[in-house]
Amino acid sequence: MTIPAPFVSRVMEIEKDWIDYNGHLNMAYYNVLFDRCSDDAFELMGMGPNYARDRKLTIYTAEVHVCYVQELHLDHKVISTFQLLDHDEKRLRVYQEIRHVDGWLAATSESLSLHVDMAGPKVAPFPPDVLAKVEAMRTAHAGLPMPERAGRSIGIRRKAG
């Protein structure tokens, strides 16, 4: 299996109902775009809808930090990337970008996801076959530079003096 580094989504269109009263993409729908890309990347690692249905294991999002960089509008087409920054036996740390098809950056997202046994629900280790795919993606992404926007925190910068 060849793993793209980073994983890149299909081209996605902005839907009319996603445009807010300011005339641009409502903040919630950036997360929909990120999520659609994540779902495809999770599928590549063996954790898609069939995984949840058949094995009763899935991924839950624990934390997300989104930065809105440039507005998106109804006529825009975008792609999203997925870079696996880190993982352990139960968690994934992911960095994503949404870019206009012309290349400019619209938004970034960094998230922490948990592998969950739906019977609990409770956080549970990845099974060996899935962990091998997670490790393969992490290896494929290990050569990518750490994104400049990864690891950011929210705060108000104060001028000295």
Protein backbone atom coordinates (compact mmCIF):
# COMPACT_ATOMS: atom_id res chain seq x y z
CA MET A 1 0.00 0.00 0.00
CA THR A 2 1.42 3.38 -1.02
CA ILE A 3 0.61 6.10 1.49
CA PRO A 4 0.60 9.70 0.24
CA ALA A 5 2.56 12.16 2.36
CA PRO A 6 0.56 14.06 3.32
CA PHE A 7 -2.75 12.37 2.54
CA VAL A 8 -4.74 14.65 0.17
CA SER A 9 -8.54 14.64 -0.13
CA ARG A 10 -10.55 14.71 -3.29
CA VAL A 11 -11.61 18.17 -4.51
CA MET A 12 -14.56 19.35 -2.40
CA GLU A 13 -17.14 22.03 -3.18
CA ILE A 14 -18.69 24.53 -0.78
CA GLU A 15 -22.42 23.92 -0.38
CA LYS A 16 -24.96 26.77 -0.57
CA ASP A 17 -26.43 26.04 2.88
CA TRP A 18 -22.98 26.43 4.44
CA ILE A 19 -22.75 30.16 3.62
CA ASP A 20 -23.56 32.39 6.57
CA TYR A 21 -25.06 35.88 6.80
CA ASN A 22 -21.59 37.37 6.29
CA GLY A 23 -21.48 35.85 2.82
CA HIS A 24 -18.72 33.33 3.48
CA LEU A 25 -18.31 29.77 4.72
CA ASN A 26 -19.62 29.44 8.26
CA MET A 27 -16.95 28.38 10.73
CA ALA A 28 -18.64 25.05 11.50
CA TYR A 29 -18.34 23.82 7.93
CA TYR A 30 -14.56 24.12 7.86
CA ASN A 31 -14.75 21.24 10.35
CA VAL A 32 -17.02 19.31 7.98
CA LEU A 33 -14.39 19.65 5.25
CA PHE A 34 -11.60 18.58 7.63
CA ASP A 35 -13.76 15.66 8.81
CA ARG A 36 -14.44 14.41 5.28
CA CYS A 37 -10.70 14.29 4.63
CA SER A 38 -10.06 12.59 7.98
CA ASP A 39 -12.68 9.95 7.23
CA ASP A 40 -10.87 9.05 4.00
CA ALA A 41 -7.50 8.92 5.79
CA PHE A 42 -8.97 6.78 8.58
CA GLU A 43 -10.39 4.44 5.93
CA LEU A 44 -6.90 4.07 4.49
CA MET A 45 -5.74 3.01 7.96
CA GLY A 46 -8.57 0.47 8.24
CA MET A 47 -10.87 2.53 10.46
CA GLY A 48 -13.79 3.44 8.22
CA PRO A 49 -17.53 2.82 8.57
CA ASN A 50 -17.15 -0.95 8.16
CA TYR A 51 -14.66 -1.00 11.03
CA ALA A 52 -17.20 0.65 13.32
CA ARG A 53 -20.03 -1.59 12.12
CA ASP A 54 -18.19 -4.92 12.08
CA ARG A 55 -15.63 -4.58 14.87
CA LYS A 56 -17.45 -2.07 17.09
CA LEU A 57 -14.30 0.06 17.23
CA THR A 58 -14.05 3.65 16.05
CA ILE A 59 -12.37 7.05 16.35
CA TYR A 60 -13.66 9.88 18.56
CA THR A 61 -12.31 13.41 18.44
CA ALA A 62 -11.02 14.60 21.82
CA GLU A 63 -9.63 18.04 20.96
CA VAL A 64 -9.42 20.35 17.94
CA HIS A 65 -7.69 23.68 17.32
CA VAL A 66 -8.77 25.42 14.10
CA CYS A 67 -7.15 28.54 12.64
CA TYR A 68 -9.20 30.43 10.06
CA VAL A 69 -6.71 32.03 7.67
CA GLN A 70 -8.68 33.22 4.63
CA GLU A 71 -12.40 33.26 3.84
CA LEU A 72 -13.99 30.67 1.60
CA HIS A 73 -17.02 31.44 -0.59
CA LEU A 74 -19.69 29.46 -2.41
CA ASP A 75 -17.88 29.24 -5.74
CA HIS A 76 -14.63 27.96 -4.20
CA LYS A 77 -13.31 24.44 -4.59
CA VAL A 78 -10.89 23.10 -1.98
CA ILE A 79 -8.74 20.16 -0.96
CA SER A 80 -7.74 19.15 2.54
CA THR A 81 -4.55 17.47 3.68
CA PHE A 82 -4.02 15.04 6.58
CA GLN A 83 -0.62 14.66 8.23
CA LEU A 84 -0.22 12.16 11.06
CA LEU A 85 2.14 13.95 13.46
CA ASP A 86 2.22 11.39 16.25
CA HIS A 87 0.44 8.40 17.73
CA ASP A 88 0.55 5.96 20.58
CA GLU A 89 -1.40 2.75 21.19
CA LYS A 90 -4.71 4.64 21.65
CA ARG A 91 -4.36 8.16 20.21
CA LEU A 92 -3.64 10.05 16.99
CA ARG A 93 -2.31 13.62 16.69
CA VAL A 94 -3.15 15.04 13.26
CA TYR A 95 -2.49 18.30 11.43
CA GLN A 96 -4.68 19.33 8.49
CA GLU A 97 -4.92 22.18 6.03
CA ILE A 98 -7.71 23.33 3.76
CA ARG A 99 -6.40 24.93 0.59
CA HIS A 100 -8.22 26.50 -2.30
CA VAL A 101 -7.55 24.54 -5.50
CA ASP A 102 -5.41 27.52 -6.57
CA GLY A 103 -3.09 26.73 -3.64
CA TRP A 104 -3.78 29.41 -1.05
CA LEU A 105 -4.31 28.44 2.59
CA ALA A 106 -7.83 28.84 3.98
CA ALA A 107 -7.61 27.08 7.36
CA THR A 108 -5.58 24.73 9.52
CA SER A 109 -6.63 22.20 12.12
CA GLU A 110 -4.74 20.21 14.70
CA SER A 111 -6.59 17.44 16.49
CA LEU A 112 -6.22 14.67 19.01
CA SER A 113 -8.36 11.60 18.34
CA LEU A 114 -9.03 8.59 20.53
CA HIS A 115 -9.48 4.97 19.49
CA VAL A 116 -12.70 3.81 21.16
CA ASP A 117 -14.30 0.47 21.92
CA MET A 118 -17.96 1.25 21.31
CA ALA A 119 -19.09 -1.39 23.86
CA GLY A 120 -17.95 0.92 26.68
CA PRO A 121 -17.62 3.31 25.15
CA LYS A 122 -14.05 3.50 26.39
CA VAL A 123 -10.65 4.36 24.99
CA ALA A 124 -8.93 1.18 23.82
CA PRO A 125 -5.69 0.17 22.09
CA PHE A 126 -5.65 -0.21 18.32
CA PRO A 127 -5.79 -3.87 17.27
CA PRO A 128 -2.47 -5.08 15.80
CA ASP A 129 -3.62 -4.99 12.15
CA VAL A 130 -4.84 -1.39 12.45
CA LEU A 131 -1.83 -0.30 14.50
CA ALA A 132 0.41 -1.59 11.70
CA LYS A 133 -1.43 0.67 9.23
CA VAL A 134 -1.24 3.63 11.62
CA GLU A 135 2.50 3.05 11.98
CA ALA A 136 2.87 2.78 8.19
CA MET A 137 1.16 6.17 7.75
CA ARG A 138 3.28 7.71 10.51
CA THR A 139 6.41 6.37 8.83
CA ALA A 140 5.29 7.79 5.47
CA HIS A 141 4.62 11.17 7.10
CA ALA A 142 7.76 11.21 9.28
CA GLY A 143 9.80 12.83 6.50
CA LEU A 144 7.45 15.81 6.27
CA PRO A 145 8.50 18.94 8.14
CA MET A 146 6.66 19.81 11.34
CA PRO A 147 4.01 22.32 10.22
CA GLU A 148 4.69 25.87 11.39
CA ARG A 149 1.14 26.17 12.71
CA ALA A 150 1.19 22.88 14.68
CA GLY A 151 1.31 23.12 18.46
CA ARG A 152 -0.18 26.60 18.61
CA SER A 153 -2.04 27.79 21.66
CA ILE A 154 -4.65 30.46 22.06
CA GLY A 155 -3.56 33.68 23.72
CA ILE A 156 -3.43 37.45 23.41
CA ARG A 157 -0.01 38.82 22.62
CA ARG A 158 0.92 41.83 24.73
CA LYS A 159 3.43 44.47 23.74
CA ALA A 160 6.27 44.91 26.22
CA GLY A 161 6.45 48.23 28.02
